[in-house]
Amino acid sequence: MEKYMFIFFGGDPSHLSPDAQQAHMQKWFDWVQKLTNEKRYVGGEALLPGGKTIKGSKKAVTDGPFTESKEVVGGYFVVLAKNLDEAVEMAKECPDYSLDGVVEVREVMKFDNME
């Protein structure tokens, strides 16, 4: 099994009623539980908006990121899968597609001589 990262973009439920938001969150909890039961879920977190950006050789620090809500990284998971195709199939169960969410699936690089 290899490690893959799911990076979640968009999928903003803030326009939903409180009951609908709670129901949507339950879908996330159910999905995490399913992945955990399958021994596929390694970890992950939701991310708060805002933060700081550091860039360039002078390490300039600015507030941000300030992007459109559909481009904001909302969080990530690390999962175990046999290959990229299997990871993609797992990512298709993300609850945020109904909210125009996007999931980027990336393999985590291995460093062989590090322990």
C-alpha atoms as a PDB file:
ATOM      1  CA  MET A   1       0.000   0.000   0.000  1.00  0.00           C
ATOM      2  CA  GLU A   2       1.133   3.505  -0.821  1.00  0.00           C
ATOM      3  CA  LYS A   3       0.212   6.796   0.836  1.00  0.00           C
ATOM      4  CA  TYR A   4      -1.929   9.282  -1.057  1.00  0.00           C
ATOM      5  CA  MET A   5      -3.045  12.748  -0.077  1.00  0.00           C
ATOM      6  CA  PHE A   6      -6.528  14.038  -0.790  1.00  0.00           C
ATOM      7  CA  ILE A   7      -6.488  17.845  -0.888  1.00  0.00           C
ATOM      8  CA  PHE A   8      -9.963  19.347  -0.601  1.00  0.00           C
ATOM      9  CA  PHE A   9     -10.885  22.583  -2.382  1.00  0.00           C
ATOM     10  CA  GLY A  10     -14.138  24.541  -2.181  1.00  0.00           C
ATOM     11  CA  GLY A  11     -17.224  22.710  -1.020  1.00  0.00           C
ATOM     12  CA  ASP A  12     -18.434  25.561   1.176  1.00  0.00           C
ATOM     13  CA  PRO A  13     -21.555  24.516   3.167  1.00  0.00           C
ATOM     14  CA  SER A  14     -22.038  27.940   4.825  1.00  0.00           C
ATOM     15  CA  HIS A  15     -25.104  28.728   2.674  1.00  0.00           C
ATOM     16  CA  LEU A  16     -26.929  25.643   4.025  1.00  0.00           C
ATOM     17  CA  SER A  17     -29.314  25.725   6.961  1.00  0.00           C
ATOM     18  CA  PRO A  18     -27.840  24.656  10.326  1.00  0.00           C
ATOM     19  CA  ASP A  19     -29.615  21.285  10.059  1.00  0.00           C
ATOM     20  CA  ALA A  20     -28.319  20.751   6.518  1.00  0.00           C
ATOM     21  CA  GLN A  21     -24.799  21.728   7.614  1.00  0.00           C
ATOM     22  CA  GLN A  22     -24.974  19.172  10.419  1.00  0.00           C
ATOM     23  CA  ALA A  23     -26.229  16.500   8.004  1.00  0.00           C
ATOM     24  CA  HIS A  24     -23.375  17.343   5.632  1.00  0.00           C
ATOM     25  CA  MET A  25     -20.811  17.052   8.441  1.00  0.00           C
ATOM     26  CA  GLN A  26     -22.285  13.666   9.350  1.00  0.00           C
ATOM     27  CA  LYS A  27     -21.506  12.502   5.802  1.00  0.00           C
ATOM     28  CA  TRP A  28     -17.871  13.487   6.428  1.00  0.00           C
ATOM     29  CA  PHE A  29     -17.808  11.634   9.764  1.00  0.00           C
ATOM     30  CA  ASP A  30     -19.332   8.563   8.096  1.00  0.00           C
ATOM     31  CA  TRP A  31     -16.769   8.661   5.288  1.00  0.00           C
ATOM     32  CA  VAL A  32     -13.850   8.937   7.738  1.00  0.00           C
ATOM     33  CA  GLN A  33     -15.306   6.067   9.767  1.00  0.00           C
ATOM     34  CA  LYS A  34     -15.615   3.921   6.622  1.00  0.00           C
ATOM     35  CA  LEU A  35     -11.994   4.616   5.637  1.00  0.00           C
ATOM     36  CA  THR A  36     -10.884   3.944   9.223  1.00  0.00           C
ATOM     37  CA  ASN A  37     -12.767   0.640   9.343  1.00  0.00           C
ATOM     38  CA  GLU A  38     -11.081  -0.352   6.068  1.00  0.00           C
ATOM     39  CA  LYS A  39      -7.688   0.580   7.595  1.00  0.00           C
ATOM     40  CA  ARG A  40      -7.183   3.126   4.792  1.00  0.00           C
ATOM     41  CA  TYR A  41      -7.353   6.383   6.786  1.00  0.00           C
ATOM     42  CA  VAL A  42      -3.935   7.559   8.007  1.00  0.00           C
ATOM     43  CA  GLY A  43      -4.963  11.046   9.132  1.00  0.00           C
ATOM     44  CA  GLY A  44      -6.149  14.459   8.096  1.00  0.00           C
ATOM     45  CA  GLU A  45      -7.445  17.780   9.261  1.00  0.00           C
ATOM     46  CA  ALA A  46      -9.754  20.574   8.243  1.00  0.00           C
ATOM     47  CA  LEU A  47      -7.993  23.897   7.767  1.00  0.00           C
ATOM     48  CA  LEU A  48      -9.164  27.285   8.981  1.00  0.00           C
ATOM     49  CA  PRO A  49      -9.287  30.085   6.403  1.00  0.00           C
ATOM     50  CA  GLY A  50      -6.599  32.746   6.377  1.00  0.00           C
ATOM     51  CA  GLY A  51      -3.020  32.410   7.473  1.00  0.00           C
ATOM     52  CA  LYS A  52       0.241  33.806   6.105  1.00  0.00           C
ATOM     53  CA  THR A  53       2.166  33.317   2.883  1.00  0.00           C
ATOM     54  CA  ILE A  54       5.966  33.433   2.771  1.00  0.00           C
ATOM     55  CA  LYS A  55       7.707  33.668  -0.590  1.00  0.00           C
ATOM     56  CA  GLY A  56      10.781  34.700  -2.475  1.00  0.00           C
ATOM     57  CA  SER A  57      14.434  34.850  -1.529  1.00  0.00           C
ATOM     58  CA  LYS A  58      13.661  37.728   0.857  1.00  0.00           C
ATOM     59  CA  LYS A  59      11.024  35.559   2.573  1.00  0.00           C
ATOM     60  CA  ALA A  60       8.363  38.260   2.291  1.00  0.00           C
ATOM     61  CA  VAL A  61       5.423  37.548   4.601  1.00  0.00           C
ATOM     62  CA  THR A  62       1.917  38.572   3.574  1.00  0.00           C
ATOM     63  CA  ASP A  63      -1.562  37.895   4.879  1.00  0.00           C
ATOM     64  CA  GLY A  64      -3.393  35.233   3.010  1.00  0.00           C
ATOM     65  CA  PRO A  65      -3.941  33.167   1.073  1.00  0.00           C
ATOM     66  CA  PHE A  66      -6.724  35.255  -0.429  1.00  0.00           C
ATOM     67  CA  THR A  67      -8.317  33.196  -3.165  1.00  0.00           C
ATOM     68  CA  GLU A  68     -11.823  32.598  -4.413  1.00  0.00           C
ATOM     69  CA  SER A  69     -13.726  30.273  -2.088  1.00  0.00           C
ATOM     70  CA  LYS A  70     -13.757  27.502  -4.702  1.00  0.00           C
ATOM     71  CA  GLU A  71      -9.932  27.584  -4.695  1.00  0.00           C
ATOM     72  CA  VAL A  72      -9.433  27.604  -0.918  1.00  0.00           C
ATOM     73  CA  VAL A  73      -7.824  24.469   0.481  1.00  0.00           C
ATOM     74  CA  GLY A  74     -10.294  23.326   3.115  1.00  0.00           C
ATOM     75  CA  GLY A  75      -8.292  20.384   4.434  1.00  0.00           C
ATOM     76  CA  TYR A  76      -6.583  17.137   3.608  1.00  0.00           C
ATOM     77  CA  PHE A  77      -6.534  13.402   4.268  1.00  0.00           C
ATOM     78  CA  VAL A  78      -3.708  10.915   3.972  1.00  0.00           C
ATOM     79  CA  VAL A  79      -4.959   7.471   2.949  1.00  0.00           C
ATOM     80  CA  LEU A  80      -3.529   4.107   1.950  1.00  0.00           C
ATOM     81  CA  ALA A  81      -4.253   2.658  -1.485  1.00  0.00           C
ATOM     82  CA  LYS A  82      -2.722   0.080  -3.831  1.00  0.00           C
ATOM     83  CA  ASN A  83      -2.296   2.610  -6.634  1.00  0.00           C
ATOM     84  CA  LEU A  84      -3.488   5.959  -7.948  1.00  0.00           C
ATOM     85  CA  ASP A  85      -6.577   4.458  -9.587  1.00  0.00           C
ATOM     86  CA  GLU A  86      -7.720   2.967  -6.288  1.00  0.00           C
ATOM     87  CA  ALA A  87      -7.061   6.261  -4.486  1.00  0.00           C
ATOM     88  CA  VAL A  88      -9.146   8.096  -7.091  1.00  0.00           C
ATOM     89  CA  GLU A  89     -12.024   5.668  -6.557  1.00  0.00           C
ATOM     90  CA  MET A  90     -11.808   6.287  -2.798  1.00  0.00           C
ATOM     91  CA  ALA A  91     -11.817  10.067  -3.345  1.00  0.00           C
ATOM     92  CA  LYS A  92     -15.029   9.813  -5.374  1.00  0.00           C
ATOM     93  CA  GLU A  93     -16.865   9.270  -2.069  1.00  0.00           C
ATOM     94  CA  CYS A  94     -16.074  12.783  -0.805  1.00  0.00           C
ATOM     95  CA  PRO A  95     -19.287  14.468   0.375  1.00  0.00           C
ATOM     96  CA  ASP A  96     -18.374  17.900  -1.036  1.00  0.00           C
ATOM     97  CA  TYR A  97     -19.040  17.187  -4.717  1.00  0.00           C
ATOM     98  CA  SER A  98     -22.662  18.233  -4.194  1.00  0.00           C
ATOM     99  CA  LEU A  99     -21.285  21.628  -3.084  1.00  0.00           C
ATOM    100  CA  ASP A 100     -18.995  21.961  -6.140  1.00  0.00           C
ATOM    101  CA  GLY A 101     -16.043  20.723  -4.117  1.00  0.00           C
ATOM    102  CA  VAL A 102     -12.869  19.438  -5.751  1.00  0.00           C
ATOM    103  CA  VAL A 103     -10.467  16.744  -4.541  1.00  0.00           C
ATOM    104  CA  GLU A 104      -6.887  16.621  -5.760  1.00  0.00           C
ATOM    105  CA  VAL A 105      -5.312  13.167  -5.323  1.00  0.00           C
ATOM    106  CA  ARG A 106      -1.514  13.023  -5.025  1.00  0.00           C
ATOM    107  CA  GLU A 107       0.880  10.206  -4.155  1.00  0.00           C
ATOM    108  CA  VAL A 108       3.125  10.927  -1.172  1.00  0.00           C
ATOM    109  CA  MET A 109       6.816  10.654  -2.074  1.00  0.00           C
ATOM    110  CA  LYS A 110       8.813   7.988  -0.284  1.00  0.00           C
ATOM    111  CA  PHE A 111      12.296   8.631   1.009  1.00  0.00           C
ATOM    112  CA  ASP A 112      13.958   5.215   1.123  1.00  0.00           C
ATOM    113  CA  ASN A 113      16.907   5.880   3.433  1.00  0.00           C
ATOM    114  CA  MET A 114      15.071   7.820   6.105  1.00  0.00           C
ATOM    115  CA  GLU A 115      13.829   6.160   9.255  1.00  0.00           C
END
